[in-house]
Amino acid sequence: MRRLILLALVGLGAQLVDGSLGMAYGVTSTTLLLAIGANPAAASATVHLAEIGTTLVSGASHWRFGNVDWGVVLRIGIPGAVGAFAGATFLSRLSTEVAAPLMSVVLLALGVYVLTRFTVKGLPQDKLDKPLRKRFLGPLGLVAGFVDSTGGGGWGPVGTPAILASGRLEPRKVIGSIDTSEFLVSVAASLGFLFALGSQGIDVVWVVALLAGGVVAAPIAAWLVRHLPPRILGSLVGGLIVVTNARTLLRSDWVDAGDVTRYAVYAVLYLLWAAAVAISVRAHRRTVRLDSADVHGSGINRPDELAAR
């Protein structure tokens, strides 16, 4: 029962972050399942089955609050579904000994990207309202869908920053559209895993626990997307993913590091994580001060600073 409550809380927290950042539900949930000993393919399958429900509720909530661009959803979601199905069948054919550290490498890379992206740059907001072309969204969806299945998460970490970096869609619509299109990706990935694995290693109770927490958080996240500081949340979740998957790799047969080496690496990572969060908090406070000064007519108007929120 304690494990189920923990899974529900993870589903709630992961969806709260995902609905606010447009990423991290799958990466966070899969990281936990690997940490408690789940088979890599089964862990990814479990998370994607739960995501069918959470992404449906999240997409409906984002649509309700006007956060969805349906053209982007279709142009990235359909190729994303193709990539997700291919990634699921690929991962299912790998042995556990190969898949576990391989998945941790993918998750670690995504975690480093999320941590660096949000700590250094925040969410860019320039070049808005320019059209996003199919020749950009199609390949992006294909790659993001494949990474999502093989890494147990990655649709948001790959898709959201790429579209944000283009500066052609306002952040709330990027997040809402990515979350909504993830429903197609989750369905395709789940079908791929079920086709390759059947129900082998998939715990339906775990799926329900993750789903329950995610469904509760989805509408809250959609409402809070304009109010939570994404930069701070990005640094927090990115650091968590890096530390957890570094631990998995250091204990794997690929590295098999000794205790002294592991603890030294942990200490460095925790210090870097704390520094990243501190930088994001300070940047957010600076942005709030600039906003306040601008509102009171001080003449300060720094778009580069405002965009770093």
Protein backbone atom coordinates (compact mmCIF):
# COMPACT_ATOMS: atom_id res chain seq x y z
CA MET A 1 0.00 0.00 0.00
CA ARG A 2 2.85 2.39 0.81
CA ARG A 3 4.32 1.85 -2.67
CA LEU A 4 0.96 2.55 -4.33
CA ILE A 5 0.54 5.78 -2.36
CA LEU A 6 4.07 6.76 -3.39
CA LEU A 7 3.29 6.02 -7.04
CA ALA A 8 0.11 8.10 -6.86
CA LEU A 9 2.05 11.00 -5.35
CA VAL A 10 4.71 10.67 -8.04
CA GLY A 11 2.00 10.68 -10.70
CA LEU A 12 0.48 13.79 -9.14
CA GLY A 13 3.80 15.63 -8.83
CA ALA A 14 5.03 14.56 -12.26
CA GLN A 15 1.82 15.67 -13.97
CA LEU A 16 1.82 18.95 -12.06
CA VAL A 17 5.30 19.68 -13.41
CA ASP A 18 4.48 18.29 -16.86
CA GLY A 19 1.33 20.37 -17.20
CA SER A 20 3.24 23.48 -16.16
CA LEU A 21 6.46 22.86 -18.14
CA GLY A 22 5.26 20.72 -21.01
CA MET A 23 7.66 17.96 -19.96
CA ALA A 24 8.88 15.56 -17.27
CA TYR A 25 5.91 13.24 -16.50
CA GLY A 26 7.35 10.26 -18.32
CA VAL A 27 10.98 10.93 -17.42
CA THR A 28 10.19 11.41 -13.72
CA SER A 29 7.83 8.43 -13.44
CA THR A 30 10.07 6.07 -15.40
CA THR A 31 13.07 7.08 -13.32
CA LEU A 32 11.21 6.07 -10.15
CA LEU A 33 10.03 2.76 -11.60
CA LEU A 34 13.60 1.89 -12.63
CA ALA A 35 14.81 2.85 -9.17
CA ILE A 36 12.46 0.33 -7.54
CA GLY A 37 13.55 -2.43 -9.89
CA ALA A 38 11.06 -2.45 -12.77
CA ASN A 39 12.07 -3.93 -16.12
CA PRO A 40 12.97 -1.03 -18.49
CA ALA A 41 10.49 -1.95 -21.21
CA ALA A 42 7.76 -2.71 -18.67
CA ALA A 43 8.48 0.58 -16.86
CA SER A 44 8.09 2.56 -20.06
CA ALA A 45 4.96 0.60 -20.99
CA THR A 46 3.44 1.22 -17.53
CA VAL A 47 4.09 4.95 -17.75
CA HIS A 48 2.70 5.23 -21.28
CA LEU A 49 -0.46 3.33 -20.37
CA ALA A 50 -0.99 5.73 -17.46
CA GLU A 51 -0.27 8.66 -19.76
CA ILE A 52 -3.19 7.75 -22.03
CA GLY A 53 -5.49 8.91 -19.24
CA THR A 54 -3.38 11.78 -17.90
CA THR A 55 -2.72 13.29 -21.34
CA LEU A 56 -6.40 13.06 -22.25
CA VAL A 57 -7.41 14.95 -19.12
CA SER A 58 -4.47 17.34 -19.45
CA GLY A 59 -5.28 18.08 -23.10
CA ALA A 60 -8.93 18.75 -22.30
CA SER A 61 -7.90 21.04 -19.44
CA HIS A 62 -5.44 22.99 -21.59
CA TRP A 63 -8.09 23.31 -24.32
CA ARG A 64 -10.53 24.63 -21.72
CA PHE A 65 -8.06 27.36 -20.71
CA GLY A 66 -7.16 28.27 -24.32
CA ASN A 67 -3.65 26.80 -24.27
CA VAL A 68 -3.87 24.60 -27.41
CA ASP A 69 -2.95 25.22 -31.07
CA TRP A 70 -4.69 22.33 -32.87
CA GLY A 71 -2.63 22.76 -36.04
CA VAL A 72 0.56 22.14 -34.06
CA VAL A 73 -1.06 19.20 -32.24
CA LEU A 74 -1.81 17.35 -35.47
CA ARG A 75 1.38 18.23 -37.34
CA ILE A 76 3.64 17.03 -34.52
CA GLY A 77 1.40 14.40 -32.91
CA ILE A 78 0.90 12.11 -35.91
CA PRO A 79 4.62 11.68 -36.75
CA GLY A 80 5.23 11.48 -33.00
CA ALA A 81 2.91 8.48 -32.82
CA VAL A 82 4.85 6.76 -35.61
CA GLY A 83 8.16 7.36 -33.82
CA ALA A 84 6.73 6.19 -30.49
CA PHE A 85 5.48 2.89 -31.94
CA ALA A 86 8.89 2.26 -33.54
CA GLY A 87 10.72 3.10 -30.30
CA ALA A 88 8.49 0.81 -28.23
CA THR A 89 9.10 -2.21 -30.45
CA PHE A 90 12.85 -1.45 -30.51
CA LEU A 91 13.15 -1.24 -26.71
CA SER A 92 11.10 -4.39 -26.22
CA ARG A 93 13.68 -6.41 -28.15
CA LEU A 94 16.62 -5.38 -25.97
CA SER A 95 17.74 -7.48 -23.00
CA THR A 96 17.27 -6.00 -19.52
CA GLU A 97 21.05 -5.88 -18.98
CA VAL A 98 21.44 -3.67 -22.05
CA ALA A 99 18.17 -1.72 -21.76
CA ALA A 100 18.50 -0.53 -18.14
CA PRO A 101 21.77 1.41 -18.48
CA LEU A 102 20.83 2.48 -22.01
CA MET A 103 17.58 4.00 -20.76
CA SER A 104 19.46 5.67 -17.90
CA VAL A 105 21.84 7.27 -20.41
CA VAL A 106 18.89 8.67 -22.38
CA LEU A 107 17.20 9.91 -19.21
CA LEU A 108 20.44 11.40 -17.90
CA ALA A 109 20.98 13.29 -21.16
CA LEU A 110 17.41 14.60 -21.04
CA GLY A 111 17.86 15.61 -17.41
CA VAL A 112 21.06 17.53 -18.18
CA TYR A 113 19.30 19.28 -21.04
CA VAL A 114 16.28 20.25 -18.93
CA LEU A 115 18.47 21.43 -16.04
CA THR A 116 20.77 23.48 -18.28
CA ARG A 117 18.00 24.88 -20.43
CA PHE A 118 15.89 26.25 -17.60
CA THR A 119 18.75 27.33 -15.37
CA VAL A 120 20.62 29.26 -18.06
CA LYS A 121 17.90 30.54 -20.37
CA GLY A 122 14.47 30.03 -18.87
CA LEU A 123 11.64 30.19 -21.40
CA PRO A 124 12.34 32.31 -24.51
CA GLN A 125 9.42 34.47 -25.66
CA ASP A 126 10.60 36.31 -28.78
CA LYS A 127 9.58 35.84 -32.44
CA LEU A 128 6.00 34.99 -31.49
CA ASP A 129 3.16 34.39 -33.98
CA LYS A 130 5.34 33.27 -36.90
CA PRO A 131 4.03 30.01 -38.48
CA LEU A 132 5.53 26.66 -37.51
CA ARG A 133 6.14 24.63 -40.67
CA LYS A 134 5.31 20.98 -41.17
CA ARG A 135 8.84 20.24 -42.35
CA PHE A 136 10.02 21.34 -38.89
CA LEU A 137 7.28 19.74 -36.79
CA GLY A 138 7.21 16.40 -38.67
CA PRO A 139 10.85 15.32 -38.11
CA LEU A 140 10.74 16.79 -34.59
CA GLY A 141 7.72 14.68 -33.73
CA LEU A 142 9.27 11.54 -35.21
CA VAL A 143 12.47 11.91 -33.18
CA ALA A 144 10.70 13.00 -29.99
CA GLY A 145 8.27 10.06 -30.20
CA PHE A 146 11.11 7.56 -30.64
CA VAL A 147 13.08 9.04 -27.72
CA ASP A 148 9.93 9.07 -25.60
CA SER A 149 9.40 5.33 -25.96
CA THR A 150 13.02 4.25 -25.62
CA GLY A 151 13.72 6.57 -22.69
CA GLY A 152 10.38 6.17 -20.91
CA GLY A 153 9.95 9.89 -21.42
CA GLY A 154 11.23 12.57 -23.75
CA TRP A 155 8.27 13.86 -25.74
CA GLY A 156 8.19 17.05 -23.68
CA PRO A 157 11.95 17.47 -23.08
CA VAL A 158 12.62 17.16 -26.83
CA GLY A 159 9.50 18.83 -28.27
CA THR A 160 8.84 21.68 -25.84
CA PRO A 161 12.31 23.33 -25.86
CA ALA A 162 12.59 22.91 -29.66
CA ILE A 163 9.33 24.77 -30.30
CA LEU A 164 10.08 27.31 -27.58
CA ALA A 165 13.50 27.92 -29.11
CA SER A 166 11.83 28.74 -32.43
CA GLY A 167 10.10 31.63 -30.65
CA ARG A 168 7.04 31.27 -32.91
CA LEU A 169 4.45 30.19 -30.37
CA GLU A 170 3.77 31.67 -26.96
CA PRO A 171 4.93 29.42 -24.08
CA ARG A 172 1.48 28.55 -22.71
CA LYS A 173 0.38 27.29 -26.15
CA VAL A 174 3.62 25.36 -26.63
CA ILE A 175 3.04 23.58 -23.33
CA GLY A 176 -0.66 23.00 -23.96
CA SER A 177 -0.12 21.73 -27.51
CA ILE A 178 2.73 19.39 -26.52
CA ASP A 179 0.68 17.98 -23.62
CA THR A 180 -2.35 17.47 -25.86
CA SER A 181 -0.43 15.83 -28.73
CA GLU A 182 1.19 13.48 -26.22
CA PHE A 183 -2.10 11.58 -26.07
CA LEU A 184 -1.44 10.29 -29.61
CA VAL A 185 2.13 9.40 -28.67
CA SER A 186 1.05 7.55 -25.52
CA VAL A 187 -1.55 5.49 -27.38
CA ALA A 188 0.95 4.53 -30.11
CA ALA A 189 3.71 3.67 -27.61
CA SER A 190 1.32 1.57 -25.53
CA LEU A 191 0.17 -0.33 -28.60
CA GLY A 192 3.81 -0.93 -29.55
CA PHE A 193 4.67 -2.30 -26.11
CA LEU A 194 1.54 -4.46 -25.92
CA PHE A 195 2.23 -5.80 -29.41
CA ALA A 196 5.83 -6.71 -28.50
CA LEU A 197 5.46 -7.69 -24.84
CA GLY A 198 1.82 -8.56 -24.29
CA SER A 199 1.08 -7.81 -20.63
CA GLN A 200 4.44 -9.23 -19.48
CA GLY A 201 5.86 -7.26 -16.56
CA ILE A 202 3.13 -4.59 -16.65
CA ASP A 203 1.47 -4.10 -13.26
CA VAL A 204 -2.06 -2.78 -13.84
CA VAL A 205 -2.25 -1.57 -10.23
CA TRP A 206 0.85 0.58 -10.79
CA VAL A 207 -0.74 1.99 -13.93
CA VAL A 208 -3.90 2.90 -12.00
CA ALA A 209 -1.89 4.50 -9.16
CA LEU A 210 0.13 6.68 -11.56
CA LEU A 211 -3.02 7.51 -13.51
CA ALA A 212 -4.96 8.53 -10.39
CA GLY A 213 -2.31 10.99 -9.29
CA GLY A 214 -1.90 12.39 -12.79
CA VAL A 215 -5.63 12.87 -13.37
CA VAL A 216 -5.95 14.85 -10.13
CA ALA A 217 -3.02 17.12 -11.07
CA ALA A 218 -3.83 17.68 -14.77
CA PRO A 219 -6.53 20.38 -14.44
CA ILE A 220 -4.62 22.08 -11.63
CA ALA A 221 -1.47 22.26 -13.78
CA ALA A 222 -3.38 23.66 -16.74
CA TRP A 223 -4.78 26.42 -14.53
CA LEU A 224 -1.45 27.16 -12.87
CA VAL A 225 0.58 27.24 -16.10
CA ARG A 226 0.47 31.04 -16.14
CA HIS A 227 1.33 31.46 -12.47
CA LEU A 228 4.06 28.97 -11.51
CA PRO A 229 7.70 29.96 -12.17
CA PRO A 230 8.70 27.42 -14.86
CA ARG A 231 12.38 28.28 -14.59
CA ILE A 232 12.57 27.11 -10.97
CA LEU A 233 10.51 23.99 -11.63
CA GLY A 234 12.69 23.12 -14.62
CA SER A 235 15.86 23.33 -12.53
CA LEU A 236 14.32 21.24 -9.75
CA VAL A 237 13.05 18.42 -11.94
CA GLY A 238 16.13 18.44 -14.19
CA GLY A 239 18.41 18.02 -11.18
CA LEU A 240 16.27 15.21 -9.80
CA ILE A 241 16.47 13.32 -13.08
CA VAL A 242 20.25 13.80 -13.35
CA VAL A 243 20.99 12.65 -9.80
CA THR A 244 18.70 9.61 -9.94
CA ASN A 245 19.95 8.30 -13.27
CA ALA A 246 23.59 9.02 -12.43
CA ARG A 247 23.06 6.76 -9.43
CA THR A 248 21.65 4.01 -11.68
CA LEU A 249 24.58 4.25 -14.09
CA LEU A 250 27.24 4.27 -11.37
CA ARG A 251 25.75 1.06 -9.95
CA SER A 252 25.34 -0.64 -13.35
CA ASP A 253 27.67 -3.21 -14.87
CA TRP A 254 28.71 -0.59 -17.41
CA VAL A 255 30.46 1.49 -14.72
CA ASP A 256 30.39 -0.46 -11.43
CA ALA A 257 31.95 2.42 -9.49
CA GLY A 258 33.22 1.94 -5.96
CA ASP A 259 31.63 3.57 -2.91
CA VAL A 260 34.17 6.40 -2.67
CA THR A 261 33.74 7.32 -6.34
CA ARG A 262 29.95 7.17 -6.16
CA TYR A 263 29.69 9.37 -3.08
CA ALA A 264 32.11 11.90 -4.55
CA VAL A 265 30.04 12.11 -7.74
CA TYR A 266 26.82 12.43 -5.70
CA ALA A 267 28.31 15.30 -3.68
CA VAL A 268 29.33 17.18 -6.83
CA LEU A 269 25.94 16.63 -8.46
CA TYR A 270 24.03 17.81 -5.38
CA LEU A 271 26.16 20.95 -5.20
CA LEU A 272 25.59 21.69 -8.88
CA TRP A 273 21.87 21.04 -8.48
CA ALA A 274 21.63 23.41 -5.49
CA ALA A 275 23.56 26.08 -7.42
CA ALA A 276 21.25 25.70 -10.43
CA VAL A 277 18.13 26.10 -8.30
CA ALA A 278 19.64 29.15 -6.57
CA ILE A 279 20.42 30.73 -9.96
CA SER A 280 16.86 30.11 -11.15
CA VAL A 281 15.33 31.52 -7.97
CA ARG A 282 17.49 34.65 -8.23
CA ALA A 283 16.63 35.09 -11.93
CA HIS A 284 12.93 34.72 -11.18
CA ARG A 285 13.08 37.30 -8.39
CA ARG A 286 14.96 39.68 -10.67
CA THR A 287 12.26 39.28 -13.32
CA VAL A 288 9.53 39.98 -10.76
CA ARG A 289 11.33 43.16 -9.70
CA LEU A 290 11.68 44.28 -13.33
CA ASP A 291 7.99 43.62 -13.95
CA SER A 292 7.06 45.60 -10.85
CA ALA A 293 9.35 48.51 -11.79
CA ASP A 294 7.93 48.56 -15.32
CA VAL A 295 4.35 48.61 -14.05
CA HIS A 296 5.14 51.56 -11.77
CA GLY A 297 6.52 53.58 -14.68
CA SER A 298 10.20 53.55 -13.82
CA GLY A 299 11.13 53.31 -17.48
CA ILE A 300 12.80 49.89 -17.13
CA ASN A 301 11.85 47.66 -20.00
CA ARG A 302 14.30 44.84 -20.64
CA PRO A 303 12.80 42.25 -23.01
CA ASP A 304 15.81 39.98 -22.63
CA GLU A 305 15.33 39.88 -18.89
CA LEU A 306 11.56 39.46 -19.14
CA ALA A 307 12.00 36.57 -21.56
CA ALA A 308 14.17 34.69 -19.06
CA ARG A 309 11.28 34.01 -16.73
